[in-house]
Amino acid sequence: VGALPGAQPADGLMQNRLSALRAEHGWSQQRMAELLGVSRQTVISLERGRFDPSLPLAFNLATLFHCRIEDIFTPEQWSPTE
């Protein structure tokens, strides 16, 4: 499987609310993909947490859902290293 445009392999540290937000808007995965200019496979992979969005895609998602990036994506547990 090749890299998805606008996404990178997930490091397991990020959770997201994409599926719930998409459902709240009544959009199919295909419709959300069209609105974002990405493939349906990208949407599926993002929702399942297999890939994290690029920063531009994260901003596009926040714009699409009229919220902040941190309202969509939250780190599971993160602590700064010294």
C-alpha atoms as a PDB file:
ATOM      1  CA  VAL A   1       0.000   0.000   0.000  1.00  0.00           C
ATOM      2  CA  GLY A   2       1.484   3.338  -1.006  1.00  0.00           C
ATOM      3  CA  ALA A   3       1.429   6.553   0.953  1.00  0.00           C
ATOM      4  CA  LEU A   4      -1.821   8.458   0.967  1.00  0.00           C
ATOM      5  CA  PRO A   5      -1.739  12.069  -0.228  1.00  0.00           C
ATOM      6  CA  GLY A   6      -1.863  14.438   2.719  1.00  0.00           C
ATOM      7  CA  ALA A   7      -1.361  11.684   5.283  1.00  0.00           C
ATOM      8  CA  GLN A   8       1.475   9.907   7.022  1.00  0.00           C
ATOM      9  CA  PRO A   9       1.557   6.607   8.915  1.00  0.00           C
ATOM     10  CA  ALA A  10       0.098   7.033  12.378  1.00  0.00           C
ATOM     11  CA  ASP A  11       2.448   6.787  15.308  1.00  0.00           C
ATOM     12  CA  GLY A  12      -0.309   5.490  17.580  1.00  0.00           C
ATOM     13  CA  LEU A  13      -0.381   8.679  19.636  1.00  0.00           C
ATOM     14  CA  MET A  14      -3.373  10.417  18.065  1.00  0.00           C
ATOM     15  CA  GLN A  15      -7.104   9.831  18.469  1.00  0.00           C
ATOM     16  CA  ASN A  16      -9.721  11.561  16.353  1.00  0.00           C
ATOM     17  CA  ARG A  17     -13.437  12.294  16.140  1.00  0.00           C
ATOM     18  CA  LEU A  18     -13.653  12.250  12.345  1.00  0.00           C
ATOM     19  CA  SER A  19     -16.213   9.466  12.064  1.00  0.00           C
ATOM     20  CA  ALA A  20     -18.524  11.105  14.619  1.00  0.00           C
ATOM     21  CA  LEU A  21     -18.182  14.552  13.029  1.00  0.00           C
ATOM     22  CA  ARG A  22     -18.834  13.136   9.569  1.00  0.00           C
ATOM     23  CA  ALA A  23     -21.950  11.349  10.859  1.00  0.00           C
ATOM     24  CA  GLU A  24     -23.194  14.546  12.539  1.00  0.00           C
ATOM     25  CA  HIS A  25     -23.079  16.243   9.144  1.00  0.00           C
ATOM     26  CA  GLY A  26     -24.764  13.309   7.404  1.00  0.00           C
ATOM     27  CA  TRP A  27     -21.891  12.845   4.970  1.00  0.00           C
ATOM     28  CA  SER A  28     -20.715   9.596   3.480  1.00  0.00           C
ATOM     29  CA  GLN A  29     -17.010   8.891   3.436  1.00  0.00           C
ATOM     30  CA  GLN A  30     -17.087   9.553  -0.296  1.00  0.00           C
ATOM     31  CA  ARG A  31     -18.758  12.950   0.164  1.00  0.00           C
ATOM     32  CA  MET A  32     -16.267  13.983   2.834  1.00  0.00           C
ATOM     33  CA  ALA A  33     -13.413  12.889   0.563  1.00  0.00           C
ATOM     34  CA  GLU A  34     -14.828  15.010  -2.272  1.00  0.00           C
ATOM     35  CA  LEU A  35     -15.154  18.054  -0.010  1.00  0.00           C
ATOM     36  CA  LEU A  36     -11.539  17.654   1.100  1.00  0.00           C
ATOM     37  CA  GLY A  37     -10.110  16.776  -2.315  1.00  0.00           C
ATOM     38  CA  VAL A  38      -8.736  13.427  -1.112  1.00  0.00           C
ATOM     39  CA  SER A  39      -9.597   9.808  -1.824  1.00  0.00           C
ATOM     40  CA  ARG A  40     -12.209   7.840   0.083  1.00  0.00           C
ATOM     41  CA  GLN A  41      -9.382   5.523   1.143  1.00  0.00           C
ATOM     42  CA  THR A  42      -7.651   8.488   2.791  1.00  0.00           C
ATOM     43  CA  VAL A  43     -10.801   9.273   4.772  1.00  0.00           C
ATOM     44  CA  ILE A  44     -11.143   5.628   5.825  1.00  0.00           C
ATOM     45  CA  SER A  45      -7.506   5.460   6.925  1.00  0.00           C
ATOM     46  CA  LEU A  46      -7.758   8.723   8.855  1.00  0.00           C
ATOM     47  CA  GLU A  47     -10.957   7.657  10.612  1.00  0.00           C
ATOM     48  CA  ARG A  48      -9.447   4.319  11.594  1.00  0.00           C
ATOM     49  CA  GLY A  49      -6.321   5.998  12.929  1.00  0.00           C
ATOM     50  CA  ARG A  50      -4.023   4.253  10.471  1.00  0.00           C
ATOM     51  CA  PHE A  51      -2.768   7.584   9.162  1.00  0.00           C
ATOM     52  CA  ASP A  52      -2.380  11.045  10.667  1.00  0.00           C
ATOM     53  CA  PRO A  53      -3.213  14.017   8.433  1.00  0.00           C
ATOM     54  CA  SER A  54      -0.625  16.399   7.101  1.00  0.00           C
ATOM     55  CA  LEU A  55      -0.829  19.820   8.719  1.00  0.00           C
ATOM     56  CA  PRO A  56      -2.586  21.376   5.690  1.00  0.00           C
ATOM     57  CA  LEU A  57      -5.139  18.533   5.678  1.00  0.00           C
ATOM     58  CA  ALA A  58      -5.682  18.939   9.436  1.00  0.00           C
ATOM     59  CA  PHE A  59      -6.438  22.644   8.872  1.00  0.00           C
ATOM     60  CA  ASN A  60      -8.797  21.747   6.008  1.00  0.00           C
ATOM     61  CA  LEU A  61     -10.615  19.301   8.283  1.00  0.00           C
ATOM     62  CA  ALA A  62     -10.968  21.949  10.991  1.00  0.00           C
ATOM     63  CA  THR A  63     -12.315  24.422   8.434  1.00  0.00           C
ATOM     64  CA  LEU A  64     -14.727  21.836   7.037  1.00  0.00           C
ATOM     65  CA  PHE A  65     -16.137  21.089  10.490  1.00  0.00           C
ATOM     66  CA  HIS A  66     -15.974  24.715  11.729  1.00  0.00           C
ATOM     67  CA  CYS A  67     -13.829  23.848  14.728  1.00  0.00           C
ATOM     68  CA  ARG A  68     -10.243  23.792  15.924  1.00  0.00           C
ATOM     69  CA  ILE A  69      -7.787  21.041  15.008  1.00  0.00           C
ATOM     70  CA  GLU A  70      -7.601  20.067  18.673  1.00  0.00           C
ATOM     71  CA  ASP A  71     -11.384  19.577  18.685  1.00  0.00           C
ATOM     72  CA  ILE A  72     -10.867  16.791  16.124  1.00  0.00           C
ATOM     73  CA  PHE A  73      -7.506  15.312  17.088  1.00  0.00           C
ATOM     74  CA  THR A  74      -6.247  14.654  20.587  1.00  0.00           C
ATOM     75  CA  PRO A  75      -3.059  12.969  21.701  1.00  0.00           C
ATOM     76  CA  GLU A  76      -3.639   9.838  23.769  1.00  0.00           C
ATOM     77  CA  GLN A  77      -0.832  10.614  26.180  1.00  0.00           C
ATOM     78  CA  TRP A  78       2.017  12.985  25.552  1.00  0.00           C
ATOM     79  CA  SER A  79       4.680  14.376  27.757  1.00  0.00           C
ATOM     80  CA  PRO A  80       7.577  16.552  26.666  1.00  0.00           C
ATOM     81  CA  THR A  81      11.036  15.074  26.771  1.00  0.00           C
ATOM     82  CA  GLU A  82      13.860  16.921  28.388  1.00  0.00           C
END
